[in-house]
Amino acid sequence: MDRYIQPFIDVSKNVFKELLKIDIEAGRPYFSDRDSYPKWDISGVIGLTGEVSGAVVISMKKDLAVWITQILTSKEHQDFDDEVVDSVGEVINIIAGNVKHDLEDSFRIIISLPTVVSGDNHTIQWPQVNARIICIPFKIFNDKNFFLSVAIEVLNSIEHV
């Protein structure tokens, strides 16, 4: 599992450092129940296909999404608008694209365009029933956090992440 999850941690740290000039701290990854739905306000989703099947999802509260957008656009934002949605989609797209590059030696992976879901009690429909969902909590500043959730099934193999 580590060889698949560590690239997601490393890339997420690098993306936040390079794109937003912020250091983030990864918590301990854990398996999540696909029926549990944390209270996030917005999630960016990237589907994975090719020699794997699955998805990568970044989820956060509205205030963090707005704050990230303000850094990226250098403009004031108060609520969800097109730029906030685009920013969350762009962050997950960059993370998934860089992880794809890091895992190219092991698998041929095709990533989808990002989809962003927002609103109270939104849910994620995971593409594979067999793949386990691994949640990686990240701390940003002292009082904010977000999660990167990963579900990958290696096709033509018994290995699941």
Protein backbone atom coordinates (compact mmCIF):
# COMPACT_ATOMS: atom_id res chain seq x y z
CA MET A 1 0.00 0.00 0.00
CA ASP A 2 2.79 2.46 0.87
CA ARG A 3 4.21 2.46 -2.64
CA TYR A 4 0.86 3.70 -3.98
CA ILE A 5 -0.10 6.10 -1.20
CA GLN A 6 3.24 7.81 -0.58
CA PRO A 7 3.25 9.44 -4.04
CA PHE A 8 -0.13 11.04 -3.22
CA ILE A 9 1.28 12.43 0.03
CA ASP A 10 4.50 13.67 -1.57
CA VAL A 11 2.76 15.24 -4.56
CA SER A 12 0.12 16.95 -2.38
CA LYS A 13 2.84 18.50 -0.23
CA ASN A 14 4.75 19.66 -3.32
CA VAL A 15 1.65 21.10 -5.02
CA PHE A 16 0.66 23.13 -1.98
CA LYS A 17 4.25 24.30 -1.48
CA GLU A 18 4.83 25.26 -5.12
CA LEU A 19 1.36 26.50 -6.09
CA LEU A 20 0.23 28.14 -2.85
CA LYS A 21 3.54 28.65 -0.98
CA ILE A 22 2.12 26.73 2.00
CA ASP A 23 3.51 23.78 3.93
CA ILE A 24 0.97 21.11 4.73
CA GLU A 25 1.32 18.18 7.10
CA ALA A 26 0.01 14.72 6.25
CA GLY A 27 -1.69 12.73 8.96
CA ARG A 28 -1.85 8.99 9.19
CA PRO A 29 -3.77 7.44 6.24
CA TYR A 30 -6.67 5.20 7.15
CA PHE A 31 -9.29 3.08 5.40
CA SER A 32 -12.68 4.73 5.06
CA ASP A 33 -16.08 3.15 4.82
CA ARG A 34 -17.60 4.03 1.46
CA ASP A 35 -20.93 4.68 3.18
CA SER A 36 -19.53 7.27 5.60
CA TYR A 37 -19.86 10.81 4.37
CA PRO A 38 -17.88 13.44 6.27
CA LYS A 39 -19.28 16.95 6.38
CA TRP A 40 -17.29 18.65 3.62
CA ASP A 41 -18.55 21.59 1.61
CA ILE A 42 -16.72 20.92 -1.66
CA SER A 43 -14.92 18.00 -3.29
CA GLY A 44 -12.87 17.76 -6.47
CA VAL A 45 -12.95 14.34 -8.15
CA ILE A 46 -10.63 12.81 -10.75
CA GLY A 47 -11.43 9.40 -12.22
CA LEU A 48 -8.64 6.95 -13.00
CA THR A 49 -8.70 4.39 -15.82
CA GLY A 50 -6.20 2.41 -17.88
CA GLU A 51 -4.42 -0.39 -16.03
CA VAL A 52 -6.14 0.80 -12.86
CA SER A 53 -9.66 1.88 -12.02
CA GLY A 54 -10.62 4.30 -9.31
CA ALA A 55 -10.72 7.89 -8.22
CA VAL A 56 -8.84 10.57 -6.31
CA VAL A 57 -10.89 13.10 -4.34
CA ILE A 58 -9.91 16.24 -2.44
CA SER A 59 -12.51 17.44 0.08
CA MET A 60 -12.56 20.56 2.23
CA LYS A 61 -14.71 23.14 3.95
CA LYS A 62 -15.87 26.28 2.13
CA ASP A 63 -13.58 28.68 3.97
CA LEU A 64 -10.47 26.76 2.90
CA ALA A 65 -11.65 26.51 -0.73
CA VAL A 66 -12.32 30.25 -0.78
CA TRP A 67 -8.96 30.99 0.81
CA ILE A 68 -7.09 28.81 -1.73
CA THR A 69 -8.93 30.58 -4.55
CA GLN A 70 -7.97 33.99 -3.19
CA ILE A 71 -4.31 32.96 -3.27
CA LEU A 72 -4.56 31.56 -6.79
CA THR A 73 -6.53 34.46 -8.28
CA SER A 74 -5.31 37.35 -6.10
CA LYS A 75 -8.96 38.40 -5.82
CA GLU A 76 -11.41 38.52 -2.91
CA HIS A 77 -14.01 35.73 -2.78
CA GLN A 78 -16.77 35.32 -0.22
CA ASP A 79 -18.67 32.22 -1.32
CA PHE A 80 -18.68 29.46 -3.89
CA ASP A 81 -18.42 30.97 -7.34
CA ASP A 82 -17.04 29.72 -10.64
CA GLU A 83 -13.47 30.59 -9.66
CA VAL A 84 -13.70 28.66 -6.37
CA VAL A 85 -15.06 25.62 -8.19
CA ASP A 86 -12.35 25.95 -10.86
CA SER A 87 -9.62 26.29 -8.21
CA VAL A 88 -10.63 23.11 -6.39
CA GLY A 89 -10.80 21.31 -9.73
CA GLU A 90 -7.39 22.62 -10.72
CA VAL A 91 -5.75 21.56 -7.45
CA ILE A 92 -7.03 17.97 -7.75
CA ASN A 93 -6.11 17.93 -11.45
CA ILE A 94 -2.53 18.95 -10.69
CA ILE A 95 -2.24 16.41 -7.87
CA ALA A 96 -3.66 13.57 -10.00
CA GLY A 97 -1.53 14.54 -13.00
CA ASN A 98 1.67 14.54 -10.97
CA VAL A 99 0.84 11.24 -9.26
CA LYS A 100 0.08 9.75 -12.67
CA HIS A 101 3.56 10.77 -13.75
CA ASP A 102 5.11 9.26 -10.58
CA LEU A 103 3.29 5.93 -11.07
CA GLU A 104 3.97 5.61 -14.83
CA ASP A 105 6.71 3.07 -14.21
CA SER A 106 4.15 0.73 -12.62
CA PHE A 107 0.92 1.43 -14.53
CA ARG A 108 -0.54 3.10 -17.56
CA ILE A 109 -3.04 5.51 -16.00
CA ILE A 110 -5.49 7.83 -17.73
CA ILE A 111 -7.02 10.59 -15.65
CA SER A 112 -10.41 12.17 -16.31
CA LEU A 113 -11.25 15.83 -16.32
CA PRO A 114 -12.00 17.07 -12.81
CA THR A 115 -15.54 17.14 -11.50
CA VAL A 116 -16.37 19.35 -8.55
CA VAL A 117 -19.26 18.63 -6.19
CA SER A 118 -20.36 21.16 -3.59
CA GLY A 119 -23.05 21.61 -0.99
CA ASP A 120 -23.94 20.28 2.43
CA ASN A 121 -24.02 16.51 2.73
CA HIS A 122 -22.78 15.88 -0.81
CA THR A 123 -21.64 12.34 -1.51
CA ILE A 124 -19.05 10.73 -3.74
CA GLN A 125 -20.00 7.79 -5.92
CA TRP A 126 -16.86 5.68 -5.98
CA PRO A 127 -16.33 3.90 -9.32
CA GLN A 128 -15.24 0.49 -8.03
CA VAL A 129 -16.98 -1.60 -5.42
CA ASN A 130 -13.87 -3.72 -4.70
CA ALA A 131 -11.34 -0.93 -4.20
CA ARG A 132 -10.83 0.21 -0.63
CA ILE A 133 -10.89 3.92 0.06
CA ILE A 134 -7.82 5.33 1.75
CA CYS A 135 -8.21 8.76 3.34
CA ILE A 136 -5.15 10.92 3.88
CA PRO A 137 -5.84 13.80 6.26
CA PHE A 138 -3.80 16.95 5.76
CA LYS A 139 -3.40 19.81 8.20
CA ILE A 140 -2.95 23.29 6.84
CA PHE A 141 -2.14 26.04 9.31
CA ASN A 142 -3.11 25.10 12.83
CA ASP A 143 -6.86 24.95 12.49
CA LYS A 144 -7.73 23.88 8.94
CA ASN A 145 -7.66 20.53 7.24
CA PHE A 146 -8.64 18.72 4.09
CA PHE A 147 -8.69 15.12 2.97
CA LEU A 148 -7.32 13.38 -0.07
CA SER A 149 -9.22 10.14 -0.61
CA VAL A 150 -7.86 7.49 -2.96
CA ALA A 151 -9.48 4.31 -4.25
CA ILE A 152 -7.44 2.37 -6.79
CA GLU A 153 -8.04 -1.10 -8.12
CA VAL A 154 -5.22 -2.56 -10.20
CA LEU A 155 -6.94 -4.30 -13.11
CA ASN A 156 -6.01 -7.86 -14.00
CA SER A 157 -4.57 -8.29 -10.54
CA ILE A 158 -5.76 -9.16 -7.07
CA GLU A 159 -4.06 -6.11 -5.64
CA HIS A 160 -6.29 -3.31 -4.38
CA VAL A 161 -5.29 -0.03 -2.78
